[in-house]
Amino acid sequence: VLQMAMSSPSSLKSPISRQTKLPTLSVKAKEAEYRQVKGYVMENCQLVERVLYEKVKDDGKPHFPKSQTFHLCARLEDCAADILEKCISADGRFFETEYEERLRDLDVVVVKCDTMLQYINLSFKKGYISGDQCHYWAEMVRPVKQKAFNWRRNDGTRAAALREAKAAQELAQMAQMAQQIAEAMQRSP
């Protein structure tokens, strides 16, 4: 069979014949678009109204301006990194002995999620992102916040039970010490 295939290449039919042309993808480069914006410019110590041109991105969606890319975007990234870091930190703590530190880490996660949602809303209000982007980003943060909040609430309940048990144990210990002191005083003349 191998020899037949080698001897007669025309007998083998390839799925793509030589006459069939594959469709070519033509990528049309989008021209940069500009829109007119009226702005005030300082000239000779006076504000003068000028027509300025603002570049619109190729996809037509609003984007963070370069001046904000390193500030607001960096804050969003920092919040996301802090959320991840504190979740890992809280998960790594042994609950029976480090429940206070774990609750503090979870509090930070919930606060950072709120902060991140506020940054997203601020970006939308300033027009840096569209309503769809705002909704999408917020929907990415909300489940994390909800899970962290539920985790904090459940651990808070468990921590309250541990605190009560510890307080009861300390009270019993103090009562036992008081009883021993009272017995010692009765024995001494």
C-alpha atoms as a PDB file:
ATOM      1  CA  VAL A   1       0.000   0.000   0.000  1.00  0.00           C
ATOM      2  CA  LEU A   2       2.854   2.330   0.820  1.00  0.00           C
ATOM      3  CA  GLN A   3       4.475   1.665  -2.541  1.00  0.00           C
ATOM      4  CA  MET A   4       1.186   2.367  -4.339  1.00  0.00           C
ATOM      5  CA  ALA A   5       0.840   5.654  -2.561  1.00  0.00           C
ATOM      6  CA  MET A   6       4.399   6.587  -3.367  1.00  0.00           C
ATOM      7  CA  SER A   7       4.116   5.579  -7.020  1.00  0.00           C
ATOM      8  CA  SER A   8       0.863   7.339  -7.815  1.00  0.00           C
ATOM      9  CA  PRO A   9       0.450  10.606  -5.945  1.00  0.00           C
ATOM     10  CA  SER A  10      -2.547  11.538  -8.056  1.00  0.00           C
ATOM     11  CA  SER A  11      -4.463   8.570  -6.648  1.00  0.00           C
ATOM     12  CA  LEU A  12      -4.406  10.126  -3.208  1.00  0.00           C
ATOM     13  CA  LYS A  13      -6.982  12.830  -2.812  1.00  0.00           C
ATOM     14  CA  SER A  14      -6.129  15.542  -0.372  1.00  0.00           C
ATOM     15  CA  PRO A  15      -8.940  17.394   1.365  1.00  0.00           C
ATOM     16  CA  ILE A  16      -7.678  20.614  -0.166  1.00  0.00           C
ATOM     17  CA  SER A  17      -6.924  20.361  -3.832  1.00  0.00           C
ATOM     18  CA  ARG A  18      -4.438  22.597  -5.503  1.00  0.00           C
ATOM     19  CA  GLN A  19      -7.145  24.481  -7.303  1.00  0.00           C
ATOM     20  CA  THR A  20      -8.986  25.365  -4.096  1.00  0.00           C
ATOM     21  CA  LYS A  21      -7.834  28.668  -2.740  1.00  0.00           C
ATOM     22  CA  LEU A  22      -8.023  29.300   0.950  1.00  0.00           C
ATOM     23  CA  PRO A  23      -9.806  32.481   1.892  1.00  0.00           C
ATOM     24  CA  THR A  24      -7.376  35.158   2.862  1.00  0.00           C
ATOM     25  CA  LEU A  25      -7.983  37.276   5.849  1.00  0.00           C
ATOM     26  CA  SER A  26      -7.722  40.884   5.030  1.00  0.00           C
ATOM     27  CA  VAL A  27      -7.039  42.981   8.053  1.00  0.00           C
ATOM     28  CA  LYS A  28      -8.111  46.502   7.471  1.00  0.00           C
ATOM     29  CA  ALA A  29      -6.152  48.923   9.539  1.00  0.00           C
ATOM     30  CA  LYS A  30      -8.468  51.363  11.182  1.00  0.00           C
ATOM     31  CA  GLU A  31      -7.668  54.964  10.703  1.00  0.00           C
ATOM     32  CA  ALA A  32      -7.195  57.002  13.806  1.00  0.00           C
ATOM     33  CA  GLU A  33     -10.267  59.058  14.536  1.00  0.00           C
ATOM     34  CA  TYR A  34     -10.253  62.491  16.082  1.00  0.00           C
ATOM     35  CA  ARG A  35     -13.052  64.548  17.535  1.00  0.00           C
ATOM     36  CA  GLN A  36     -13.152  68.238  18.116  1.00  0.00           C
ATOM     37  CA  VAL A  37     -13.135  69.437  21.670  1.00  0.00           C
ATOM     38  CA  LYS A  38     -13.302  73.002  22.860  1.00  0.00           C
ATOM     39  CA  GLY A  39     -10.736  73.725  25.469  1.00  0.00           C
ATOM     40  CA  TYR A  40      -9.189  76.640  27.235  1.00  0.00           C
ATOM     41  CA  VAL A  41      -5.491  77.226  26.790  1.00  0.00           C
ATOM     42  CA  MET A  42      -3.320  79.692  28.661  1.00  0.00           C
ATOM     43  CA  GLU A  43      -1.745  82.181  26.261  1.00  0.00           C
ATOM     44  CA  ASN A  44      -0.018  85.342  27.427  1.00  0.00           C
ATOM     45  CA  CYS A  45      -1.459  84.951  30.923  1.00  0.00           C
ATOM     46  CA  GLN A  46      -5.003  84.759  29.556  1.00  0.00           C
ATOM     47  CA  LEU A  47      -7.362  81.857  29.032  1.00  0.00           C
ATOM     48  CA  VAL A  48      -8.209  81.551  25.357  1.00  0.00           C
ATOM     49  CA  GLU A  49     -10.804  79.186  23.949  1.00  0.00           C
ATOM     50  CA  ARG A  50      -9.322  76.928  21.263  1.00  0.00           C
ATOM     51  CA  VAL A  51     -10.547  74.001  19.226  1.00  0.00           C
ATOM     52  CA  LEU A  52      -8.479  70.961  20.163  1.00  0.00           C
ATOM     53  CA  TYR A  53      -8.532  67.485  18.692  1.00  0.00           C
ATOM     54  CA  GLU A  54      -8.849  64.442  20.906  1.00  0.00           C
ATOM     55  CA  LYS A  55      -7.876  61.066  19.530  1.00  0.00           C
ATOM     56  CA  VAL A  56     -10.515  58.370  19.758  1.00  0.00           C
ATOM     57  CA  LYS A  57      -9.230  54.818  20.082  1.00  0.00           C
ATOM     58  CA  ASP A  58      -9.689  52.401  17.207  1.00  0.00           C
ATOM     59  CA  ASP A  59     -12.401  50.296  18.834  1.00  0.00           C
ATOM     60  CA  GLY A  60     -14.439  53.363  19.714  1.00  0.00           C
ATOM     61  CA  LYS A  61     -14.609  52.469  23.398  1.00  0.00           C
ATOM     62  CA  PRO A  62     -13.400  54.881  26.030  1.00  0.00           C
ATOM     63  CA  HIS A  63     -10.007  54.084  27.507  1.00  0.00           C
ATOM     64  CA  PHE A  64      -7.967  55.331  30.407  1.00  0.00           C
ATOM     65  CA  PRO A  65      -5.948  58.369  29.389  1.00  0.00           C
ATOM     66  CA  LYS A  66      -2.208  57.955  29.695  1.00  0.00           C
ATOM     67  CA  SER A  67      -2.139  60.338  32.638  1.00  0.00           C
ATOM     68  CA  GLN A  68      -4.477  58.048  34.583  1.00  0.00           C
ATOM     69  CA  THR A  69      -3.028  54.740  33.392  1.00  0.00           C
ATOM     70  CA  PHE A  70      -0.290  54.926  35.976  1.00  0.00           C
ATOM     71  CA  HIS A  71      -2.516  56.183  38.786  1.00  0.00           C
ATOM     72  CA  LEU A  72      -6.047  54.817  38.712  1.00  0.00           C
ATOM     73  CA  CYS A  73      -5.094  51.621  36.870  1.00  0.00           C
ATOM     74  CA  ALA A  74      -2.245  51.082  39.312  1.00  0.00           C
ATOM     75  CA  ARG A  75      -4.632  51.525  42.235  1.00  0.00           C
ATOM     76  CA  LEU A  76      -7.027  48.971  40.731  1.00  0.00           C
ATOM     77  CA  GLU A  77      -4.147  46.532  40.261  1.00  0.00           C
ATOM     78  CA  ASP A  78      -2.908  47.171  43.817  1.00  0.00           C
ATOM     79  CA  CYS A  79      -6.384  46.486  45.204  1.00  0.00           C
ATOM     80  CA  ALA A  80      -6.610  43.232  43.254  1.00  0.00           C
ATOM     81  CA  ALA A  81      -3.158  42.149  44.462  1.00  0.00           C
ATOM     82  CA  ASP A  82      -4.011  43.066  48.074  1.00  0.00           C
ATOM     83  CA  ILE A  83      -7.265  41.094  47.879  1.00  0.00           C
ATOM     84  CA  LEU A  84      -5.427  38.023  46.627  1.00  0.00           C
ATOM     85  CA  GLU A  85      -2.652  38.416  49.195  1.00  0.00           C
ATOM     86  CA  LYS A  86      -5.019  38.796  52.151  1.00  0.00           C
ATOM     87  CA  CYS A  87      -7.203  35.868  51.030  1.00  0.00           C
ATOM     88  CA  ILE A  88      -4.135  33.641  50.879  1.00  0.00           C
ATOM     89  CA  SER A  89      -2.954  34.995  54.231  1.00  0.00           C
ATOM     90  CA  ALA A  90      -6.332  34.378  55.890  1.00  0.00           C
ATOM     91  CA  ASP A  91      -6.549  30.895  54.434  1.00  0.00           C
ATOM     92  CA  GLY A  92      -3.070  30.060  55.737  1.00  0.00           C
ATOM     93  CA  ARG A  93      -3.813  30.997  59.340  1.00  0.00           C
ATOM     94  CA  PHE A  94      -4.755  28.296  61.828  1.00  0.00           C
ATOM     95  CA  PHE A  95      -8.194  29.328  63.007  1.00  0.00           C
ATOM     96  CA  GLU A  96      -8.067  27.884  66.527  1.00  0.00           C
ATOM     97  CA  THR A  97      -5.119  30.041  67.545  1.00  0.00           C
ATOM     98  CA  GLU A  98      -4.939  32.918  65.039  1.00  0.00           C
ATOM     99  CA  TYR A  99      -8.598  33.759  64.577  1.00  0.00           C
ATOM    100  CA  GLU A 100      -8.140  37.471  65.329  1.00  0.00           C
ATOM    101  CA  GLU A 101      -5.486  37.882  62.620  1.00  0.00           C
ATOM    102  CA  ARG A 102      -7.626  35.874  60.203  1.00  0.00           C
ATOM    103  CA  LEU A 103     -10.635  38.088  60.847  1.00  0.00           C
ATOM    104  CA  ARG A 104      -8.486  41.193  60.322  1.00  0.00           C
ATOM    105  CA  ASP A 105      -7.264  39.814  56.979  1.00  0.00           C
ATOM    106  CA  LEU A 106     -10.848  39.124  55.907  1.00  0.00           C
ATOM    107  CA  ASP A 107     -11.887  42.626  56.974  1.00  0.00           C
ATOM    108  CA  VAL A 108      -9.142  44.019  54.742  1.00  0.00           C
ATOM    109  CA  VAL A 109     -10.391  41.879  51.831  1.00  0.00           C
ATOM    110  CA  VAL A 110     -13.940  43.237  52.180  1.00  0.00           C
ATOM    111  CA  VAL A 111     -12.678  46.838  52.450  1.00  0.00           C
ATOM    112  CA  LYS A 112     -10.390  46.408  49.423  1.00  0.00           C
ATOM    113  CA  CYS A 113     -13.296  44.984  47.400  1.00  0.00           C
ATOM    114  CA  ASP A 114     -15.373  48.049  48.325  1.00  0.00           C
ATOM    115  CA  THR A 115     -12.471  50.300  47.395  1.00  0.00           C
ATOM    116  CA  MET A 116     -12.056  48.546  44.065  1.00  0.00           C
ATOM    117  CA  LEU A 117     -15.766  48.953  43.309  1.00  0.00           C
ATOM    118  CA  GLN A 118     -15.458  52.662  44.089  1.00  0.00           C
ATOM    119  CA  TYR A 119     -12.485  52.996  41.732  1.00  0.00           C
ATOM    120  CA  ILE A 120     -14.484  51.249  39.010  1.00  0.00           C
ATOM    121  CA  ASN A 121     -17.420  53.616  39.541  1.00  0.00           C
ATOM    122  CA  LEU A 122     -15.057  56.594  39.529  1.00  0.00           C
ATOM    123  CA  SER A 123     -13.563  55.407  36.236  1.00  0.00           C
ATOM    124  CA  PHE A 124     -17.048  55.165  34.746  1.00  0.00           C
ATOM    125  CA  LYS A 125     -18.110  58.600  36.024  1.00  0.00           C
ATOM    126  CA  LYS A 126     -14.989  60.173  34.559  1.00  0.00           C
ATOM    127  CA  GLY A 127     -15.714  58.470  31.234  1.00  0.00           C
ATOM    128  CA  TYR A 128     -12.607  56.295  31.207  1.00  0.00           C
ATOM    129  CA  ILE A 129     -14.654  53.102  30.775  1.00  0.00           C
ATOM    130  CA  SER A 130     -18.016  52.371  29.218  1.00  0.00           C
ATOM    131  CA  GLY A 131     -21.117  51.266  31.079  1.00  0.00           C
ATOM    132  CA  ASP A 132     -20.636  47.715  29.820  1.00  0.00           C
ATOM    133  CA  GLN A 133     -17.044  47.658  31.043  1.00  0.00           C
ATOM    134  CA  CYS A 134     -18.115  49.075  34.401  1.00  0.00           C
ATOM    135  CA  HIS A 135     -20.797  46.423  34.759  1.00  0.00           C
ATOM    136  CA  TYR A 136     -18.419  43.631  33.730  1.00  0.00           C
ATOM    137  CA  TRP A 137     -15.669  44.705  36.103  1.00  0.00           C
ATOM    138  CA  ALA A 138     -18.085  45.207  38.979  1.00  0.00           C
ATOM    139  CA  GLU A 139     -19.546  41.741  38.362  1.00  0.00           C
ATOM    140  CA  MET A 140     -16.025  40.332  38.633  1.00  0.00           C
ATOM    141  CA  VAL A 141     -15.475  41.982  42.031  1.00  0.00           C
ATOM    142  CA  ARG A 142     -18.906  41.456  43.652  1.00  0.00           C
ATOM    143  CA  PRO A 143     -18.740  37.632  43.961  1.00  0.00           C
ATOM    144  CA  VAL A 144     -15.308  37.896  45.576  1.00  0.00           C
ATOM    145  CA  LYS A 145     -16.635  40.468  48.024  1.00  0.00           C
ATOM    146  CA  GLN A 146     -19.710  38.348  48.787  1.00  0.00           C
ATOM    147  CA  LYS A 147     -17.661  35.199  49.389  1.00  0.00           C
ATOM    148  CA  ALA A 148     -15.193  37.090  51.580  1.00  0.00           C
ATOM    149  CA  PHE A 149     -18.090  38.642  53.517  1.00  0.00           C
ATOM    150  CA  ASN A 150     -19.722  35.234  54.074  1.00  0.00           C
ATOM    151  CA  TRP A 151     -16.360  33.760  55.074  1.00  0.00           C
ATOM    152  CA  ARG A 152     -15.856  36.638  57.535  1.00  0.00           C
ATOM    153  CA  ARG A 153     -19.362  36.243  58.972  1.00  0.00           C
ATOM    154  CA  ASN A 154     -18.966  32.473  59.489  1.00  0.00           C
ATOM    155  CA  ASP A 155     -15.502  32.860  61.000  1.00  0.00           C
ATOM    156  CA  GLY A 156     -16.781  35.714  63.183  1.00  0.00           C
ATOM    157  CA  THR A 157     -19.460  33.416  64.591  1.00  0.00           C
ATOM    158  CA  ARG A 158     -16.886  30.686  65.221  1.00  0.00           C
ATOM    159  CA  ALA A 159     -14.509  33.218  66.792  1.00  0.00           C
ATOM    160  CA  ALA A 160     -17.249  34.483  69.114  1.00  0.00           C
ATOM    161  CA  ALA A 161     -17.820  30.909  70.302  1.00  0.00           C
ATOM    162  CA  LEU A 162     -14.068  30.476  70.861  1.00  0.00           C
ATOM    163  CA  ARG A 163     -13.892  33.784  72.763  1.00  0.00           C
ATOM    164  CA  GLU A 164     -16.784  32.722  75.009  1.00  0.00           C
ATOM    165  CA  ALA A 165     -15.172  29.356  75.642  1.00  0.00           C
ATOM    166  CA  LYS A 166     -11.852  31.047  76.439  1.00  0.00           C
ATOM    167  CA  ALA A 167     -13.548  33.564  78.756  1.00  0.00           C
ATOM    168  CA  ALA A 168     -15.428  30.744  80.510  1.00  0.00           C
ATOM    169  CA  GLN A 169     -12.174  28.818  80.908  1.00  0.00           C
ATOM    170  CA  GLU A 170     -10.403  31.891  82.335  1.00  0.00           C
ATOM    171  CA  LEU A 171     -13.337  32.518  84.689  1.00  0.00           C
ATOM    172  CA  ALA A 172     -13.232  28.921  85.880  1.00  0.00           C
ATOM    173  CA  GLN A 173      -9.476  29.227  86.376  1.00  0.00           C
ATOM    174  CA  MET A 174      -9.901  32.449  88.367  1.00  0.00           C
ATOM    175  CA  ALA A 175     -12.634  30.845  90.472  1.00  0.00           C
ATOM    176  CA  GLN A 176     -10.365  27.887  91.176  1.00  0.00           C
ATOM    177  CA  MET A 177      -7.508  30.238  92.157  1.00  0.00           C
ATOM    178  CA  ALA A 178      -9.863  32.227  94.417  1.00  0.00           C
ATOM    179  CA  GLN A 179     -11.025  29.004  96.036  1.00  0.00           C
ATOM    180  CA  GLN A 180      -7.414  27.900  96.605  1.00  0.00           C
ATOM    181  CA  ILE A 181      -6.595  31.282  98.152  1.00  0.00           C
ATOM    182  CA  ALA A 182      -9.655  31.067 100.412  1.00  0.00           C
ATOM    183  CA  GLU A 183      -8.678  27.542 101.509  1.00  0.00           C
ATOM    184  CA  ALA A 184      -5.094  28.669 102.151  1.00  0.00           C
ATOM    185  CA  MET A 185      -6.358  31.568 104.299  1.00  0.00           C
ATOM    186  CA  GLN A 186      -8.626  29.279 106.334  1.00  0.00           C
ATOM    187  CA  ARG A 187      -5.735  26.901 107.085  1.00  0.00           C
ATOM    188  CA  SER A 188      -3.439  29.620 108.273  1.00  0.00           C
ATOM    189  CA  PRO A 189      -4.117  30.782 111.836  1.00  0.00           C
END
